[in-house]
């Protein structure tokens, strides 16, 4: 679950960009891990708490979010197409390694204005 607070700028009646901070809480985790060495290659996929993976991670994260998109009038609705990027700033791994959250999403949908 991600909670954002975005400042929105609309350079035209259709196009917008927005940016701001986000905080997130991980309610479920799955991972695919591959370790490669000079004489071995091991892979595991599954839940982060499975015996094969055993990740120790922080369930809370914070970072920056940016989005850009277009909105267009469809009568009683508005069409929306946008892209969102979440860039985590906190180290979510509790091991000696640094792991940061990165996510990209694309949305296409309809919005029903209220009021």
PDB file of N, CA and C in Angstrom:
ATOM      1  N   UNK A   1       0.845  -1.168   0.000  1.00  0.00           N
ATOM      2  CA  UNK A   1       0.000   0.000   0.000  1.00  0.00           C
ATOM      3  C   UNK A   1       0.892   1.233   0.000  1.00  0.00           C
ATOM      4  N   UNK A   2       0.624   2.152  -0.913  1.00  0.00           N
ATOM      5  CA  UNK A   2       1.416   3.375  -1.051  1.00  0.00           C
ATOM      6  C   UNK A   2       0.521   4.580  -0.807  1.00  0.00           C
ATOM      7  N   UNK A   3       0.993   5.515   0.013  1.00  0.00           N
ATOM      8  CA  UNK A   3       0.293   6.771   0.264  1.00  0.00           C
ATOM      9  C   UNK A   3       1.182   7.891  -0.253  1.00  0.00           C
ATOM     10  N   UNK A   4       0.644   8.712  -1.145  1.00  0.00           N
ATOM     11  CA  UNK A   4       1.425   9.802  -1.732  1.00  0.00           C
ATOM     12  C   UNK A   4       0.778  11.149  -1.455  1.00  0.00           C
ATOM     13  N   UNK A   5       1.590  12.194  -1.508  1.00  0.00           N
ATOM     14  CA  UNK A   5       1.113  13.580  -1.437  1.00  0.00           C
ATOM     15  C   UNK A   5       1.778  14.300  -2.606  1.00  0.00           C
ATOM     16  N   UNK A   6       1.031  14.488  -3.686  1.00  0.00           N
ATOM     17  CA  UNK A   6       1.610  15.007  -4.919  1.00  0.00           C
ATOM     18  C   UNK A   6       1.187  16.446  -5.193  1.00  0.00           C
ATOM     19  N   UNK A   7       2.147  17.238  -5.637  1.00  0.00           N
ATOM     20  CA  UNK A   7       1.858  18.581  -6.145  1.00  0.00           C
ATOM     21  C   UNK A   7       1.680  18.440  -7.655  1.00  0.00           C
ATOM     22  N   UNK A   8       0.550  18.925  -8.168  1.00  0.00           N
ATOM     23  CA  UNK A   8       0.210  18.715  -9.582  1.00  0.00           C
ATOM     24  C   UNK A   8       0.348  20.014 -10.357  1.00  0.00           C
ATOM     25  N   UNK A   9       0.968  19.924 -11.539  1.00  0.00           N
ATOM     26  CA  UNK A   9       1.153  21.057 -12.437  1.00  0.00           C
ATOM     27  C   UNK A   9       0.520  20.694 -13.778  1.00  0.00           C
ATOM     28  N   UNK A  10      -0.327  21.587 -14.303  1.00  0.00           N
ATOM     29  CA  UNK A  10      -1.033  21.338 -15.557  1.00  0.00           C
ATOM     30  C   UNK A  10      -0.635  22.384 -16.596  1.00  0.00           C
ATOM     31  N   UNK A  11       0.392  22.083 -17.409  1.00  0.00           N
ATOM     32  CA  UNK A  11       0.814  23.061 -18.419  1.00  0.00           C
ATOM     33  C   UNK A  11      -0.187  23.241 -19.555  1.00  0.00           C
ATOM     34  N   UNK A  12      -1.135  22.304 -19.712  1.00  0.00           N
ATOM     35  CA  UNK A  12      -2.204  22.453 -20.709  1.00  0.00           C
ATOM     36  C   UNK A  12      -3.478  21.863 -20.126  1.00  0.00           C
ATOM     37  N   UNK A  13      -4.569  21.972 -20.857  1.00  0.00           N
ATOM     38  CA  UNK A  13      -5.845  21.473 -20.340  1.00  0.00           C
ATOM     39  C   UNK A  13      -5.902  19.949 -20.308  1.00  0.00           C
ATOM     40  N   UNK A  14      -5.023  19.269 -21.040  1.00  0.00           N
ATOM     41  CA  UNK A  14      -5.035  17.808 -21.068  1.00  0.00           C
ATOM     42  C   UNK A  14      -3.852  17.185 -20.317  1.00  0.00           C
ATOM     43  N   UNK A  15      -2.682  17.757 -20.403  1.00  0.00           N
ATOM     44  CA  UNK A  15      -1.452  17.156 -19.879  1.00  0.00           C
ATOM     45  C   UNK A  15      -1.176  17.614 -18.449  1.00  0.00           C
ATOM     46  N   UNK A  16      -0.670  16.702 -17.614  1.00  0.00           N
ATOM     47  CA  UNK A  16      -0.270  17.072 -16.251  1.00  0.00           C
ATOM     48  C   UNK A  16       0.969  16.297 -15.841  1.00  0.00           C
ATOM     49  N   UNK A  17       1.701  16.879 -14.905  1.00  0.00           N
ATOM     50  CA  UNK A  17       2.810  16.207 -14.232  1.00  0.00           C
ATOM     51  C   UNK A  17       2.640  16.453 -12.742  1.00  0.00           C
ATOM     52  N   UNK A  18       3.111  15.533 -11.938  1.00  0.00           N
ATOM     53  CA  UNK A  18       2.984  15.680 -10.492  1.00  0.00           C
ATOM     54  C   UNK A  18       4.164  14.987  -9.827  1.00  0.00           C
ATOM     55  N   UNK A  19       4.540  15.474  -8.657  1.00  0.00           N
ATOM     56  CA  UNK A  19       5.652  14.876  -7.901  1.00  0.00           C
ATOM     57  C   UNK A  19       5.446  15.149  -6.423  1.00  0.00           C
ATOM     58  N   UNK A  20       6.035  14.287  -5.611  1.00  0.00           N
ATOM     59  CA  UNK A  20       5.958  14.469  -4.170  1.00  0.00           C
ATOM     60  C   UNK A  20       6.440  13.238  -3.427  1.00  0.00           C
ATOM     61  N   UNK A  21       6.359  13.277  -2.104  1.00  0.00           N
ATOM     62  CA  UNK A  21       6.830  12.158  -1.288  1.00  0.00           C
ATOM     63  C   UNK A  21       5.808  11.026  -1.226  1.00  0.00           C
ATOM     64  N   UNK A  22       6.300   9.837  -0.887  1.00  0.00           N
ATOM     65  CA  UNK A  22       5.399   8.711  -0.632  1.00  0.00           C
ATOM     66  C   UNK A  22       5.895   7.918   0.571  1.00  0.00           C
ATOM     67  N   UNK A  23       4.959   7.264   1.217  1.00  0.00           N
ATOM     68  CA  UNK A  23       5.259   6.295   2.272  1.00  0.00           C
ATOM     69  C   UNK A  23       4.529   5.022   1.879  1.00  0.00           C
ATOM     70  N   UNK A  24       5.136   3.866   2.158  1.00  0.00           N
ATOM     71  CA  UNK A  24       4.478   2.620   1.776  1.00  0.00           C
ATOM     72  C   UNK A  24       4.649   1.566   2.862  1.00  0.00           C
ATOM     73  N   UNK A  25       3.722   0.621   2.850  1.00  0.00           N
ATOM     74  CA  UNK A  25       3.728  -0.505   3.771  1.00  0.00           C
ATOM     75  C   UNK A  25       3.599  -1.777   2.947  1.00  0.00           C
ATOM     76  N   UNK A  26       4.498  -2.715   3.157  1.00  0.00           N
ATOM     77  CA  UNK A  26       4.485  -3.974   2.417  1.00  0.00           C
ATOM     78  C   UNK A  26       3.587  -4.971   3.134  1.00  0.00           C
ATOM     79  N   UNK A  27       2.499  -5.372   2.482  1.00  0.00           N
ATOM     80  CA  UNK A  27       1.590  -6.352   3.081  1.00  0.00           C
ATOM     81  C   UNK A  27       1.837  -7.756   2.549  1.00  0.00           C
ATOM     82  N   UNK A  28       2.602  -7.886   1.457  1.00  0.00           N
ATOM     83  CA  UNK A  28       2.898  -9.188   0.880  1.00  0.00           C
ATOM     84  C   UNK A  28       4.207  -9.079   0.114  1.00  0.00           C
ATOM     85  N   UNK A  29       5.007 -10.126   0.126  1.00  0.00           N
ATOM     86  CA  UNK A  29       6.293 -10.077  -0.550  1.00  0.00           C
ATOM     87  C   UNK A  29       6.566 -11.399  -1.247  1.00  0.00           C
ATOM     88  N   UNK A  30       6.996 -11.307  -2.491  1.00  0.00           N
ATOM     89  CA  UNK A  30       7.502 -12.478  -3.196  1.00  0.00           C
ATOM     90  C   UNK A  30       8.778 -12.043  -3.901  1.00  0.00           C
ATOM     91  N   UNK A  31       9.673 -13.013  -4.122  1.00  0.00           N
ATOM     92  CA  UNK A  31      10.968 -12.660  -4.695  1.00  0.00           C
ATOM     93  C   UNK A  31      11.484 -13.788  -5.569  1.00  0.00           C
ATOM     94  N   UNK A  32      12.335 -13.398  -6.486  1.00  0.00           N
ATOM     95  CA  UNK A  32      13.081 -14.342  -7.303  1.00  0.00           C
ATOM     96  C   UNK A  32      14.546 -13.986  -7.102  1.00  0.00           C
ATOM     97  N   UNK A  33      15.334 -14.928  -6.591  1.00  0.00           N
ATOM     98  CA  UNK A  33      16.729 -14.666  -6.239  1.00  0.00           C
ATOM     99  C   UNK A  33      17.626 -15.621  -7.005  1.00  0.00           C
ATOM    100  N   UNK A  34      18.703 -15.089  -7.589  1.00  0.00           N
ATOM    101  CA  UNK A  34      19.699 -15.917  -8.262  1.00  0.00           C
ATOM    102  C   UNK A  34      21.073 -15.533  -7.733  1.00  0.00           C
ATOM    103  N   UNK A  35      21.825 -16.515  -7.282  1.00  0.00           N
ATOM    104  CA  UNK A  35      23.207 -16.304  -6.818  1.00  0.00           C
ATOM    105  C   UNK A  35      24.136 -17.020  -7.783  1.00  0.00           C
ATOM    106  N   UNK A  36      25.142 -16.304  -8.268  1.00  0.00           N
ATOM    107  CA  UNK A  36      26.072 -16.859  -9.247  1.00  0.00           C
ATOM    108  C   UNK A  36      27.479 -16.683  -8.716  1.00  0.00           C
ATOM    109  N   UNK A  37      28.275 -17.754  -8.793  1.00  0.00           N
ATOM    110  CA  UNK A  37      29.670 -17.719  -8.387  1.00  0.00           C
ATOM    111  C   UNK A  37      30.518 -18.432  -9.417  1.00  0.00           C
ATOM    112  N   UNK A  38      31.823 -18.552  -9.161  1.00  0.00           N
ATOM    113  CA  UNK A  38      32.705 -19.198 -10.135  1.00  0.00           C
ATOM    114  C   UNK A  38      32.312 -20.648 -10.434  1.00  0.00           C
ATOM    115  N   UNK A  39      31.806 -21.368  -9.439  1.00  0.00           N
ATOM    116  CA  UNK A  39      31.503 -22.786  -9.629  1.00  0.00           C
ATOM    117  C   UNK A  39      30.062 -23.151  -9.294  1.00  0.00           C
ATOM    118  N   UNK A  40      29.181 -22.180  -9.188  1.00  0.00           N
ATOM    119  CA  UNK A  40      27.797 -22.509  -8.842  1.00  0.00           C
ATOM    120  C   UNK A  40      26.826 -21.478  -9.386  1.00  0.00           C
ATOM    121  N   UNK A  41      25.571 -21.896  -9.458  1.00  0.00           N
ATOM    122  CA  UNK A  41      24.456 -21.014  -9.790  1.00  0.00           C
ATOM    123  C   UNK A  41      23.242 -21.584  -9.080  1.00  0.00           C
ATOM    124  N   UNK A  42      22.648 -20.805  -8.181  1.00  0.00           N
ATOM    125  CA  UNK A  42      21.474 -21.225  -7.416  1.00  0.00           C
ATOM    126  C   UNK A  42      20.352 -20.218  -7.639  1.00  0.00           C
ATOM    127  N   UNK A  43      19.129 -20.714  -7.792  1.00  0.00           N
ATOM    128  CA  UNK A  43      17.958 -19.854  -7.973  1.00  0.00           C
ATOM    129  C   UNK A  43      16.843 -20.308  -7.052  1.00  0.00           C
ATOM    130  N   UNK A  44      16.038 -19.345  -6.600  1.00  0.00           N
ATOM    131  CA  UNK A  44      14.864 -19.650  -5.778  1.00  0.00           C
ATOM    132  C   UNK A  44      13.796 -18.600  -6.057  1.00  0.00           C
ATOM    133  N   UNK A  45      12.553 -19.035  -6.047  1.00  0.00           N
ATOM    134  CA  UNK A  45      11.417 -18.142  -6.236  1.00  0.00           C
ATOM    135  C   UNK A  45      10.344 -18.515  -5.228  1.00  0.00           C
ATOM    136  N   UNK A  46       9.724 -17.508  -4.616  1.00  0.00           N
ATOM    137  CA  UNK A  46       8.646 -17.778  -3.674  1.00  0.00           C
ATOM    138  C   UNK A  46       8.422 -16.643  -2.719  1.00  0.00           C
ATOM    139  N   UNK A  47       7.777 -16.954  -1.615  1.00  0.00           N
ATOM    140  CA  UNK A  47       7.502 -15.975  -0.569  1.00  0.00           C
ATOM    141  C   UNK A  47       8.818 -15.518   0.055  1.00  0.00           C
ATOM    142  N   UNK A  48       8.884 -14.267   0.468  1.00  0.00           N
ATOM    143  CA  UNK A  48      10.104 -13.731   1.073  1.00  0.00           C
ATOM    144  C   UNK A  48      10.466 -14.443   2.369  1.00  0.00           C
ATOM    145  N   UNK A  49       9.482 -15.060   3.027  1.00  0.00           N
ATOM    146  CA  UNK A  49       9.751 -15.744   4.288  1.00  0.00           C
ATOM    147  C   UNK A  49       9.920 -17.256   4.101  1.00  0.00           C
ATOM    148  N   UNK A  50       9.970 -17.742   2.840  1.00  0.00           N
ATOM    149  CA  UNK A  50      10.143 -19.179   2.611  1.00  0.00           C
ATOM    150  C   UNK A  50      11.561 -19.603   2.984  1.00  0.00           C
ATOM    151  N   UNK A  51      11.749 -20.894   3.234  1.00  0.00           N
ATOM    152  CA  UNK A  51      13.064 -21.400   3.623  1.00  0.00           C
ATOM    153  C   UNK A  51      14.116 -21.165   2.552  1.00  0.00           C
ATOM    154  N   UNK A  52      13.714 -21.206   1.270  1.00  0.00           N
ATOM    155  CA  UNK A  52      14.672 -21.021   0.182  1.00  0.00           C
ATOM    156  C   UNK A  52      15.185 -19.582   0.094  1.00  0.00           C
ATOM    157  N   UNK A  53      14.352 -18.626   0.453  1.00  0.00           N
ATOM    158  CA  UNK A  53      14.723 -17.218   0.263  1.00  0.00           C
ATOM    159  C   UNK A  53      15.104 -16.543   1.577  1.00  0.00           C
ATOM    160  N   UNK A  54      14.288 -16.627   2.598  1.00  0.00           N
ATOM    161  CA  UNK A  54      14.544 -16.068   3.932  1.00  0.00           C
ATOM    162  C   UNK A  54      15.051 -14.629   3.907  1.00  0.00           C
ATOM    163  N   UNK A  55      14.303 -13.730   3.304  1.00  0.00           N
ATOM    164  CA  UNK A  55      14.682 -12.320   3.297  1.00  0.00           C
ATOM    165  C   UNK A  55      14.285 -11.654   4.605  1.00  0.00           C
ATOM    166  N   UNK A  56      15.153 -10.833   5.097  1.00  0.00           N
ATOM    167  CA  UNK A  56      14.835  -9.981   6.246  1.00  0.00           C
ATOM    168  C   UNK A  56      14.690  -8.577   5.700  1.00  0.00           C
ATOM    169  N   UNK A  57      13.490  -8.044   5.773  1.00  0.00           N
ATOM    170  CA  UNK A  57      13.237  -6.751   5.160  1.00  0.00           C
ATOM    171  C   UNK A  57      12.344  -5.904   6.049  1.00  0.00           C
ATOM    172  N   UNK A  58      12.469  -4.598   5.865  1.00  0.00           N
ATOM    173  CA  UNK A  58      11.653  -3.628   6.588  1.00  0.00           C
ATOM    174  C   UNK A  58      10.341  -3.467   5.838  1.00  0.00           C
ATOM    175  N   UNK A  59       9.222  -3.546   6.522  1.00  0.00           N
ATOM    176  CA  UNK A  59       7.917  -3.443   5.869  1.00  0.00           C
ATOM    177  C   UNK A  59       7.537  -2.001   5.544  1.00  0.00           C
ATOM    178  N   UNK A  60       8.229  -1.016   6.074  1.00  0.00           N
ATOM    179  CA  UNK A  60       7.933   0.382   5.800  1.00  0.00           C
ATOM    180  C   UNK A  60       8.989   0.961   4.866  1.00  0.00           C
ATOM    181  N   UNK A  61       8.554   1.845   3.976  1.00  0.00           N
ATOM    182  CA  UNK A  61       9.454   2.482   3.024  1.00  0.00           C
ATOM    183  C   UNK A  61       8.996   3.921   2.817  1.00  0.00           C
ATOM    184  N   UNK A  62       9.896   4.741   2.344  1.00  0.00           N
ATOM    185  CA  UNK A  62       9.577   6.128   2.004  1.00  0.00           C
ATOM    186  C   UNK A  62      10.394   6.511   0.780  1.00  0.00           C
ATOM    187  N   UNK A  63       9.924   7.510   0.050  1.00  0.00           N
ATOM    188  CA  UNK A  63      10.657   7.922  -1.137  1.00  0.00           C
ATOM    189  C   UNK A  63       9.941   9.025  -1.883  1.00  0.00           C
ATOM    190  N   UNK A  64      10.250   9.122  -3.159  1.00  0.00           N
ATOM    191  CA  UNK A  64       9.693  10.153  -4.027  1.00  0.00           C
ATOM    192  C   UNK A  64       8.887   9.501  -5.145  1.00  0.00           C
ATOM    193  N   UNK A  65       7.818  10.174  -5.557  1.00  0.00           N
ATOM    194  CA  UNK A  65       6.958   9.682  -6.629  1.00  0.00           C
ATOM    195  C   UNK A  65       6.809  10.761  -7.686  1.00  0.00           C
ATOM    196  N   UNK A  66       6.865  10.350  -8.931  1.00  0.00           N
ATOM    197  CA  UNK A  66       6.619  11.258 -10.044  1.00  0.00           C
ATOM    198  C   UNK A  66       5.620  10.631 -10.996  1.00  0.00           C
ATOM    199  N   UNK A  67       4.781  11.448 -11.600  1.00  0.00           N
ATOM    200  CA  UNK A  67       3.795  10.933 -12.554  1.00  0.00           C
ATOM    201  C   UNK A  67       3.583  11.952 -13.667  1.00  0.00           C
ATOM    202  N   UNK A  68       3.220  11.451 -14.826  1.00  0.00           N
ATOM    203  CA  UNK A  68       2.865  12.307 -15.956  1.00  0.00           C
ATOM    204  C   UNK A  68       1.730  11.617 -16.698  1.00  0.00           C
ATOM    205  N   UNK A  69       0.796  12.410 -17.203  1.00  0.00           N
ATOM    206  CA  UNK A  69      -0.321  11.794 -17.902  1.00  0.00           C
ATOM    207  C   UNK A  69      -1.148  12.785 -18.675  1.00  0.00           C
ATOM    208  N   UNK A  70      -2.169  12.235 -19.310  1.00  0.00           N
ATOM    209  CA  UNK A  70      -3.131  13.052 -20.047  1.00  0.00           C
ATOM    210  C   UNK A  70      -4.533  12.674 -19.585  1.00  0.00           C
ATOM    211  N   UNK A  71      -5.404  13.672 -19.556  1.00  0.00           N
ATOM    212  CA  UNK A  71      -6.823  13.481 -19.266  1.00  0.00           C
ATOM    213  C   UNK A  71      -7.607  14.116 -20.413  1.00  0.00           C
ATOM    214  N   UNK A  72      -8.661  13.445 -20.831  1.00  0.00           N
ATOM    215  CA  UNK A  72      -9.454  13.982 -21.930  1.00  0.00           C
ATOM    216  C   UNK A  72     -10.934  13.750 -21.644  1.00  0.00           C
ATOM    217  N   UNK A  73     -11.749  14.667 -22.148  1.00  0.00           N
ATOM    218  CA  UNK A  73     -13.183  14.667 -21.876  1.00  0.00           C
ATOM    219  C   UNK A  73     -13.896  13.590 -22.691  1.00  0.00           C
ATOM    220  N   UNK A  74     -14.738  12.801 -22.001  1.00  0.00           N
ATOM    221  CA  UNK A  74     -15.560  11.775 -22.646  1.00  0.00           C
ATOM    222  C   UNK A  74     -17.016  11.926 -22.204  1.00  0.00           C
ATOM    223  N   UNK A  75     -17.498  13.140 -22.188  1.00  0.00           N
ATOM    224  CA  UNK A  75     -18.869  13.392 -21.744  1.00  0.00           C
ATOM    225  C   UNK A  75     -18.951  13.396 -20.231  1.00  0.00           C
ATOM    226  N   UNK A  76     -19.696  12.436 -19.657  1.00  0.00           N
ATOM    227  CA  UNK A  76     -19.855  12.368 -18.199  1.00  0.00           C
ATOM    228  C   UNK A  76     -18.594  11.833 -17.516  1.00  0.00           C
ATOM    229  N   UNK A  77     -17.659  11.279 -18.281  1.00  0.00           N
ATOM    230  CA  UNK A  77     -16.420  10.727 -17.727  1.00  0.00           C
ATOM    231  C   UNK A  77     -15.219  11.460 -18.289  1.00  0.00           C
ATOM    232  N   UNK A  78     -14.075  11.200 -17.697  1.00  0.00           N
ATOM    233  CA  UNK A  78     -12.809  11.681 -18.236  1.00  0.00           C
ATOM    234  C   UNK A  78     -11.904  10.474 -18.433  1.00  0.00           C
ATOM    235  N   UNK A  79     -11.292  10.377 -19.603  1.00  0.00           N
ATOM    236  CA  UNK A  79     -10.323   9.320 -19.863  1.00  0.00           C
ATOM    237  C   UNK A  79      -8.970   9.719 -19.274  1.00  0.00           C
ATOM    238  N   UNK A  80      -8.234   8.738 -18.770  1.00  0.00           N
ATOM    239  CA  UNK A  80      -6.929   9.000 -18.154  1.00  0.00           C
ATOM    240  C   UNK A  80      -5.918   7.971 -18.655  1.00  0.00           C
ATOM    241  N   UNK A  81      -4.740   8.456 -19.036  1.00  0.00           N
ATOM    242  CA  UNK A  81      -3.595   7.601 -19.358  1.00  0.00           C
ATOM    243  C   UNK A  81      -2.403   8.228 -18.656  1.00  0.00           C
ATOM    244  N   UNK A  82      -1.714   7.455 -17.797  1.00  0.00           N
ATOM    245  CA  UNK A  82      -0.558   8.032 -17.110  1.00  0.00           C
ATOM    246  C   UNK A  82       0.486   6.972 -16.780  1.00  0.00           C
ATOM    247  N   UNK A  83       1.658   7.466 -16.410  1.00  0.00           N
ATOM    248  CA  UNK A  83       2.761   6.622 -15.945  1.00  0.00           C
ATOM    249  C   UNK A  83       3.197   7.157 -14.590  1.00  0.00           C
ATOM    250  N   UNK A  84       3.494   6.250 -13.658  1.00  0.00           N
ATOM    251  CA  UNK A  84       3.891   6.628 -12.300  1.00  0.00           C
ATOM    252  C   UNK A  84       5.198   5.912 -11.965  1.00  0.00           C
ATOM    253  N   UNK A  85       6.145   6.636 -11.352  1.00  0.00           N
ATOM    254  CA  UNK A  85       7.406   6.034 -10.924  1.00  0.00           C
ATOM    255  C   UNK A  85       7.600   6.302  -9.430  1.00  0.00           C
ATOM    256  N   UNK A  86       7.838   5.232  -8.665  1.00  0.00           N
ATOM    257  CA  UNK A  86       8.135   5.331  -7.229  1.00  0.00           C
ATOM    258  C   UNK A  86       9.620   5.025  -7.034  1.00  0.00           C
ATOM    259  N   UNK A  87      10.334   5.937  -6.394  1.00  0.00           N
ATOM    260  CA  UNK A  87      11.765   5.802  -6.152  1.00  0.00           C
ATOM    261  C   UNK A  87      12.004   5.779  -4.638  1.00  0.00           C
ATOM    262  N   UNK A  88      12.203   4.589  -4.088  1.00  0.00           N
ATOM    263  CA  UNK A  88      12.417   4.457  -2.653  1.00  0.00           C
ATOM    264  C   UNK A  88      13.751   5.029  -2.214  1.00  0.00           C
ATOM    265  N   UNK A  89      13.764   5.711  -1.093  1.00  0.00           N
ATOM    266  CA  UNK A  89      14.992   6.296  -0.550  1.00  0.00           C
ATOM    267  C   UNK A  89      15.537   5.512   0.634  1.00  0.00           C
ATOM    268  N   UNK A  90      14.678   4.770   1.319  1.00  0.00           N
ATOM    269  CA  UNK A  90      15.110   4.015   2.494  1.00  0.00           C
ATOM    270  C   UNK A  90      15.651   2.645   2.122  1.00  0.00           C
ATOM    271  N   UNK A  91      16.565   2.140   2.938  1.00  0.00           N
ATOM    272  CA  UNK A  91      17.088   0.785   2.769  1.00  0.00           C
ATOM    273  C   UNK A  91      16.057  -0.177   3.360  1.00  0.00           C
ATOM    274  N   UNK A  92      15.441  -1.022   2.527  1.00  0.00           N
ATOM    275  CA  UNK A  92      14.401  -1.920   3.016  1.00  0.00           C
ATOM    276  C   UNK A  92      14.952  -3.283   3.413  1.00  0.00           C
ATOM    277  N   UNK A  93      16.254  -3.507   3.231  1.00  0.00           N
ATOM    278  CA  UNK A  93      16.877  -4.787   3.567  1.00  0.00           C
ATOM    279  C   UNK A  93      17.544  -4.670   4.933  1.00  0.00           C
ATOM    280  N   UNK A  94      17.341  -5.665   5.793  1.00  0.00           N
ATOM    281  CA  UNK A  94      17.936  -5.649   7.124  1.00  0.00           C
ATOM    282  C   UNK A  94      19.262  -6.404   7.173  1.00  0.00           C
ATOM    283  N   UNK A  95      19.816  -6.755   6.007  1.00  0.00           N
ATOM    284  CA  UNK A  95      21.119  -7.418   5.931  1.00  0.00           C
ATOM    285  C   UNK A  95      22.180  -6.346   5.690  1.00  0.00           C
ATOM    286  N   UNK A  96      23.444  -6.735   5.528  1.00  0.00           N
ATOM    287  CA  UNK A  96      24.487  -5.735   5.246  1.00  0.00           C
ATOM    288  C   UNK A  96      24.358  -5.080   3.872  1.00  0.00           C
ATOM    289  N   UNK A  97      23.483  -5.585   3.001  1.00  0.00           N
ATOM    290  CA  UNK A  97      23.329  -5.049   1.657  1.00  0.00           C
ATOM    291  C   UNK A  97      22.308  -3.917   1.638  1.00  0.00           C
ATOM    292  N   UNK A  98      22.442  -3.029   0.678  1.00  0.00           N
ATOM    293  CA  UNK A  98      21.492  -1.935   0.501  1.00  0.00           C
ATOM    294  C   UNK A  98      20.515  -2.310  -0.608  1.00  0.00           C
ATOM    295  N   UNK A  99      19.221  -2.297  -0.274  1.00  0.00           N
ATOM    296  CA  UNK A  99      18.170  -2.603  -1.242  1.00  0.00           C
ATOM    297  C   UNK A  99      17.143  -1.488  -1.162  1.00  0.00           C
ATOM    298  N   UNK A 100      16.839  -0.901  -2.311  1.00  0.00           N
ATOM    299  CA  UNK A 100      15.848   0.171  -2.354  1.00  0.00           C
ATOM    300  C   UNK A 100      14.717  -0.195  -3.313  1.00  0.00           C
ATOM    301  N   UNK A 101      13.526   0.233  -2.967  1.00  0.00           N
ATOM    302  CA  UNK A 101      12.315  -0.056  -3.734  1.00  0.00           C
ATOM    303  C   UNK A 101      12.271   0.820  -4.975  1.00  0.00           C
ATOM    304  N   UNK A 102      11.972   0.216  -6.115  1.00  0.00           N
ATOM    305  CA  UNK A 102      11.747   0.935  -7.364  1.00  0.00           C
ATOM    306  C   UNK A 102      10.514   0.322  -8.019  1.00  0.00           C
ATOM    307  N   UNK A 103       9.606   1.155  -8.512  1.00  0.00           N
ATOM    308  CA  UNK A 103       8.405   0.623  -9.166  1.00  0.00           C
ATOM    309  C   UNK A 103       7.938   1.593 -10.249  1.00  0.00           C
ATOM    310  N   UNK A 104       7.489   1.011 -11.353  1.00  0.00           N
ATOM    311  CA  UNK A 104       6.936   1.781 -12.456  1.00  0.00           C
ATOM    312  C   UNK A 104       5.565   1.200 -12.764  1.00  0.00           C
ATOM    313  N   UNK A 105       4.579   2.066 -12.960  1.00  0.00           N
ATOM    314  CA  UNK A 105       3.222   1.603 -13.264  1.00  0.00           C
ATOM    315  C   UNK A 105       2.640   2.449 -14.395  1.00  0.00           C
ATOM    316  N   UNK A 106       1.794   1.813 -15.198  1.00  0.00           N
ATOM    317  CA  UNK A 106       1.075   2.504 -16.267  1.00  0.00           C
ATOM    318  C   UNK A 106      -0.424   2.295 -16.027  1.00  0.00           C
ATOM    319  N   UNK A 107      -1.198   3.365 -16.161  1.00  0.00           N
ATOM    320  CA  UNK A 107      -2.638   3.285 -15.921  1.00  0.00           C
ATOM    321  C   UNK A 107      -3.412   3.794 -17.131  1.00  0.00           C
ATOM    322  N   UNK A 108      -4.501   3.124 -17.427  1.00  0.00           N
ATOM    323  CA  UNK A 108      -5.461   3.571 -18.431  1.00  0.00           C
ATOM    324  C   UNK A 108      -6.830   3.387 -17.798  1.00  0.00           C
ATOM    325  N   UNK A 109      -7.652   4.440 -17.785  1.00  0.00           N
ATOM    326  CA  UNK A 109      -8.949   4.290 -17.135  1.00  0.00           C
ATOM    327  C   UNK A 109      -9.903   5.420 -17.379  1.00  0.00           C
ATOM    328  N   UNK A 110     -11.017   5.325 -16.659  1.00  0.00           N
ATOM    329  CA  UNK A 110     -12.058   6.341 -16.699  1.00  0.00           C
ATOM    330  C   UNK A 110     -12.237   6.939 -15.318  1.00  0.00           C
ATOM    331  N   UNK A 111     -12.473   8.229 -15.264  1.00  0.00           N
ATOM    332  CA  UNK A 111     -12.708   8.927 -14.006  1.00  0.00           C
ATOM    333  C   UNK A 111     -14.091   9.564 -14.081  1.00  0.00           C
ATOM    334  N   UNK A 112     -14.849   9.399 -13.033  1.00  0.00           N
ATOM    335  CA  UNK A 112     -16.159  10.037 -12.943  1.00  0.00           C
ATOM    336  C   UNK A 112     -16.026  11.217 -11.988  1.00  0.00           C
ATOM    337  N   UNK A 113     -16.017  12.453 -12.508  1.00  0.00           N
ATOM    338  CA  UNK A 113     -15.909  13.621 -11.637  1.00  0.00           C
ATOM    339  C   UNK A 113     -17.061  13.706 -10.648  1.00  0.00           C
ATOM    340  N   UNK A 114     -16.744  14.110  -9.414  1.00  0.00           N
ATOM    341  CA  UNK A 114     -17.757  14.276  -8.370  1.00  0.00           C
ATOM    342  C   UNK A 114     -17.972  15.764  -8.157  1.00  0.00           C
ATOM    343  N   UNK A 115     -19.194  16.186  -8.166  1.00  0.00           N
ATOM    344  CA  UNK A 115     -19.516  17.577  -7.886  1.00  0.00           C
ATOM    345  C   UNK A 115     -19.619  18.471  -9.055  1.00  0.00           C
TER     346      UNK A 115
END
